[in-house]
Amino acid sequence: MKTKILLVLAICVMLYTSCSKDKGCGGTIVQYANIPQSDKDLIPYQGRETLNFLHVNTGDTVTFLGESKWTSYSNSSFGGADCVIETRREGRGIAYVNTNKSSQIVINQYIGSTTSTYFEIVYDNLMISSSLLFSNQKFQDSVTIQGKKYFDIYFYSDDNISPKPKDYGCYYTRKEGIIKLFTKTGDIWELISKN
């Protein structure tokens, strides 16, 4: 009796799967991979902020004005055998433009192909791409920059290089954002204020 029931179930499963394959999926199946709000909350920029940095090498103050809001976009990947499966991976970016429009700091956050959330900072000849933003490994407990003490310091450089470089990158806090940028050429920018 058990054998007959198992045989009938097996035949039903085979018929169902063969019928559904004949029909296909009817076009494109769209899947969404969105940035979790908890990851978005790790970046303390909303838009319209004014960031004032001291270029330590020259003594110049550089002011960056933030775009009004984040720009949303999606990266897509395709796959599938019987039908097209499109995965739309959420991304967002915001730029802070120097007041004389000669340079900008661009911040991106996006879902990668592994569904991990990534973080990028691009400024001048500095390119930081990291998934470490979302780990809980602090670089230092505190640091003083331009007379202000910051706590819970994270260091980011480039995840694609091993071992990770320490001679260029970014000091970052989850409350203030970027507090120090330094490049391979020795240029250093330190945050004076964020309004």
Protein backbone atom coordinates (compact mmCIF):
# COMPACT_ATOMS: atom_id res chain seq x y z
CA MET A 1 0.00 0.00 0.00
CA LYS A 2 2.80 2.44 0.91
CA THR A 3 4.57 1.53 -2.32
CA LYS A 4 1.48 2.36 -4.41
CA ILE A 5 1.00 5.70 -2.65
CA LEU A 6 4.66 6.61 -3.17
CA LEU A 7 4.42 5.56 -6.82
CA VAL A 8 1.30 7.70 -7.38
CA LEU A 9 2.98 10.69 -5.65
CA ALA A 10 6.11 10.24 -7.77
CA ILE A 11 4.05 10.17 -10.98
CA CYS A 12 2.11 13.28 -9.91
CA VAL A 13 5.35 15.13 -9.17
CA MET A 14 6.82 14.14 -12.55
CA LEU A 15 3.68 15.22 -14.40
CA TYR A 16 3.54 18.53 -12.56
CA THR A 17 7.19 19.39 -13.19
CA SER A 18 7.06 18.35 -16.84
CA CYS A 19 3.89 20.38 -17.42
CA SER A 20 5.32 23.48 -15.78
CA LYS A 21 8.49 23.20 -17.89
CA ASP A 22 6.46 23.02 -21.09
CA LYS A 23 4.69 26.25 -20.24
CA GLY A 24 7.88 28.08 -19.24
CA CYS A 25 7.70 31.04 -16.94
CA GLY A 26 5.91 33.28 -19.39
CA GLY A 27 8.68 35.85 -19.81
CA THR A 28 10.92 37.46 -17.26
CA ILE A 29 10.87 36.84 -13.54
CA VAL A 30 12.10 39.88 -11.65
CA GLN A 31 13.71 39.45 -8.25
CA TYR A 32 14.70 42.39 -6.05
CA ALA A 33 17.73 42.68 -3.78
CA ASN A 34 17.31 45.82 -1.69
CA ILE A 35 19.72 47.47 0.71
CA PRO A 36 18.47 46.77 4.24
CA GLN A 37 17.50 49.92 6.13
CA SER A 38 19.91 48.93 8.91
CA ASP A 39 22.77 49.18 6.36
CA LYS A 40 21.50 52.52 5.04
CA ASP A 41 21.47 53.82 8.61
CA LEU A 42 25.25 53.23 8.84
CA ILE A 43 25.83 56.16 6.47
CA PRO A 44 25.00 59.46 8.21
CA TYR A 45 24.46 61.55 5.07
CA GLN A 46 20.95 62.65 4.10
CA GLY A 47 21.73 65.33 1.54
CA ARG A 48 22.14 69.11 1.67
CA GLU A 49 24.94 68.89 4.24
CA THR A 50 27.91 71.22 4.04
CA LEU A 51 31.23 69.49 4.66
CA ASN A 52 34.26 71.63 5.49
CA PHE A 53 37.66 69.96 5.23
CA LEU A 54 41.15 71.27 5.89
CA HIS A 55 43.67 70.28 3.21
CA VAL A 56 46.44 69.66 5.76
CA ASN A 57 49.23 69.87 3.15
CA THR A 58 48.32 73.37 1.94
CA GLY A 59 46.34 74.82 4.86
CA ASP A 60 43.39 75.52 2.54
CA THR A 61 39.80 75.02 3.66
CA VAL A 62 37.71 73.12 1.13
CA THR A 63 33.89 73.27 1.32
CA PHE A 64 31.64 70.62 -0.24
CA LEU A 65 27.91 71.10 -0.72
CA GLY A 66 25.73 68.00 -0.75
CA GLU A 67 23.15 67.16 -3.36
CA SER A 68 19.60 67.51 -2.10
CA LYS A 69 19.07 63.76 -1.75
CA TRP A 70 20.41 60.34 -2.65
CA THR A 71 20.00 59.21 -6.26
CA SER A 72 18.57 55.70 -6.55
CA TYR A 73 19.58 53.24 -9.25
CA SER A 74 19.67 49.49 -9.83
CA ASN A 75 22.23 47.08 -11.21
CA SER A 76 20.71 44.09 -12.98
CA SER A 77 21.92 40.59 -13.68
CA PHE A 78 20.25 37.97 -15.83
CA GLY A 79 20.18 34.19 -15.76
CA GLY A 80 18.00 31.13 -15.95
CA ALA A 81 17.60 28.15 -18.25
CA ASP A 82 13.90 27.97 -19.15
CA CYS A 83 13.11 31.62 -18.62
CA VAL A 84 14.86 34.90 -17.95
CA ILE A 85 15.44 35.72 -14.29
CA GLU A 86 16.42 39.33 -13.72
CA THR A 87 17.81 40.37 -10.36
CA ARG A 88 17.56 44.10 -9.72
CA ARG A 89 20.09 45.04 -7.07
CA GLU A 90 19.44 48.35 -5.35
CA GLY A 91 22.04 51.09 -5.33
CA ARG A 92 22.16 54.70 -4.29
CA GLY A 93 24.65 57.53 -4.53
CA ILE A 94 25.19 61.08 -3.40
CA ALA A 95 27.77 63.70 -4.37
CA TYR A 96 29.30 66.53 -2.38
CA VAL A 97 30.61 69.15 -4.80
CA ASN A 98 33.44 71.56 -4.01
CA THR A 99 32.15 75.14 -4.02
CA ASN A 100 34.41 76.07 -6.96
CA LYS A 101 33.18 72.91 -8.75
CA SER A 102 36.73 71.62 -9.24
CA SER A 103 36.19 68.35 -7.36
CA GLN A 104 33.60 66.25 -5.60
CA ILE A 105 33.27 63.49 -3.05
CA VAL A 106 30.98 60.73 -4.34
CA ILE A 107 29.49 58.16 -1.98
CA ASN A 108 27.81 55.01 -3.32
CA GLN A 109 26.09 52.15 -1.54
CA TYR A 110 24.85 49.12 -3.44
CA ILE A 111 24.03 45.42 -3.38
CA GLY A 112 26.72 43.36 -5.09
CA SER A 113 26.32 40.13 -7.00
CA THR A 114 26.72 38.17 -3.75
CA THR A 115 23.86 40.17 -2.16
CA SER A 116 26.31 41.81 0.24
CA THR A 117 26.05 45.56 0.71
CA TYR A 118 29.04 47.55 -0.50
CA PHE A 119 30.21 51.07 0.21
CA GLU A 120 32.33 53.32 -2.03
CA ILE A 121 33.97 56.69 -1.60
CA VAL A 122 35.57 58.38 -4.59
CA TYR A 123 37.53 61.60 -4.20
CA ASP A 124 40.39 62.97 -6.28
CA ASN A 125 42.74 60.00 -6.85
CA LEU A 126 41.30 58.07 -3.91
CA MET A 127 38.95 55.16 -4.59
CA ILE A 128 37.62 53.22 -1.62
CA SER A 129 35.43 50.18 -2.10
CA SER A 130 34.60 48.12 0.94
CA SER A 131 32.14 45.71 2.42
CA LEU A 132 33.74 46.27 5.82
CA LEU A 133 31.41 49.16 6.60
CA PHE A 134 28.92 46.60 7.77
CA SER A 135 31.23 44.67 10.06
CA ASN A 136 31.61 45.57 13.69
CA GLN A 137 35.41 45.69 13.68
CA LYS A 138 36.45 49.14 14.82
CA PHE A 139 39.89 50.44 13.84
CA GLN A 140 40.30 52.61 16.95
CA ASP A 141 38.15 53.59 19.90
CA SER A 142 38.83 57.29 19.41
CA VAL A 143 40.89 59.84 17.50
CA THR A 144 41.26 63.61 17.72
CA ILE A 145 41.05 65.51 14.43
CA GLN A 146 41.17 69.30 14.21
CA GLY A 147 40.66 69.60 17.96
CA LYS A 148 37.53 67.43 18.03
CA LYS A 149 37.49 63.96 19.56
CA TYR A 150 35.65 61.30 17.56
CA PHE A 151 34.68 57.87 18.84
CA ASP A 152 34.22 54.41 17.28
CA ILE A 153 36.57 54.92 14.34
CA TYR A 154 36.44 52.70 11.26
CA PHE A 155 39.17 52.61 8.62
CA TYR A 156 38.39 51.89 4.97
CA SER A 157 40.69 51.53 2.03
CA ASP A 158 40.10 48.97 -0.70
CA ASP A 159 38.70 45.46 -0.15
CA ASN A 160 40.01 44.22 -3.49
CA ILE A 161 43.62 44.41 -2.35
CA SER A 162 45.17 41.93 0.05
CA PRO A 163 46.71 42.74 2.43
CA LYS A 164 44.65 45.88 2.92
CA PRO A 165 46.71 49.05 2.54
CA LYS A 166 47.09 51.39 5.49
CA ASP A 167 48.93 54.20 3.67
CA TYR A 168 45.78 55.60 2.05
CA GLY A 169 42.10 55.50 2.86
CA CYS A 170 39.51 57.02 5.10
CA TYR A 171 38.71 57.38 8.79
CA TYR A 172 34.97 57.13 9.27
CA THR A 173 32.40 57.22 12.05
CA ARG A 174 28.79 56.12 11.82
CA LYS A 175 27.69 59.46 13.33
CA GLU A 176 29.82 61.95 11.36
CA GLY A 177 30.76 59.96 8.24
CA ILE A 178 34.13 60.79 6.67
CA ILE A 179 36.43 62.51 9.15
CA LYS A 180 39.78 62.07 7.36
CA LEU A 181 40.85 61.22 3.81
CA PHE A 182 44.45 60.49 2.84
CA THR A 183 45.92 59.41 -0.49
CA LYS A 184 48.97 57.48 -1.72
CA THR A 185 50.53 60.78 -2.75
CA GLY A 186 50.43 62.04 0.84
CA ASP A 187 47.52 64.47 0.53
CA ILE A 188 45.45 64.67 3.72
CA TRP A 189 42.00 66.19 4.24
CA GLU A 190 40.53 66.42 7.76
CA LEU A 191 36.95 67.29 8.63
CA ILE A 192 36.50 70.69 10.26
CA SER A 193 32.70 70.70 10.38
CA LYS A 194 29.58 69.03 9.03
CA ASN A 195 26.41 71.12 8.95
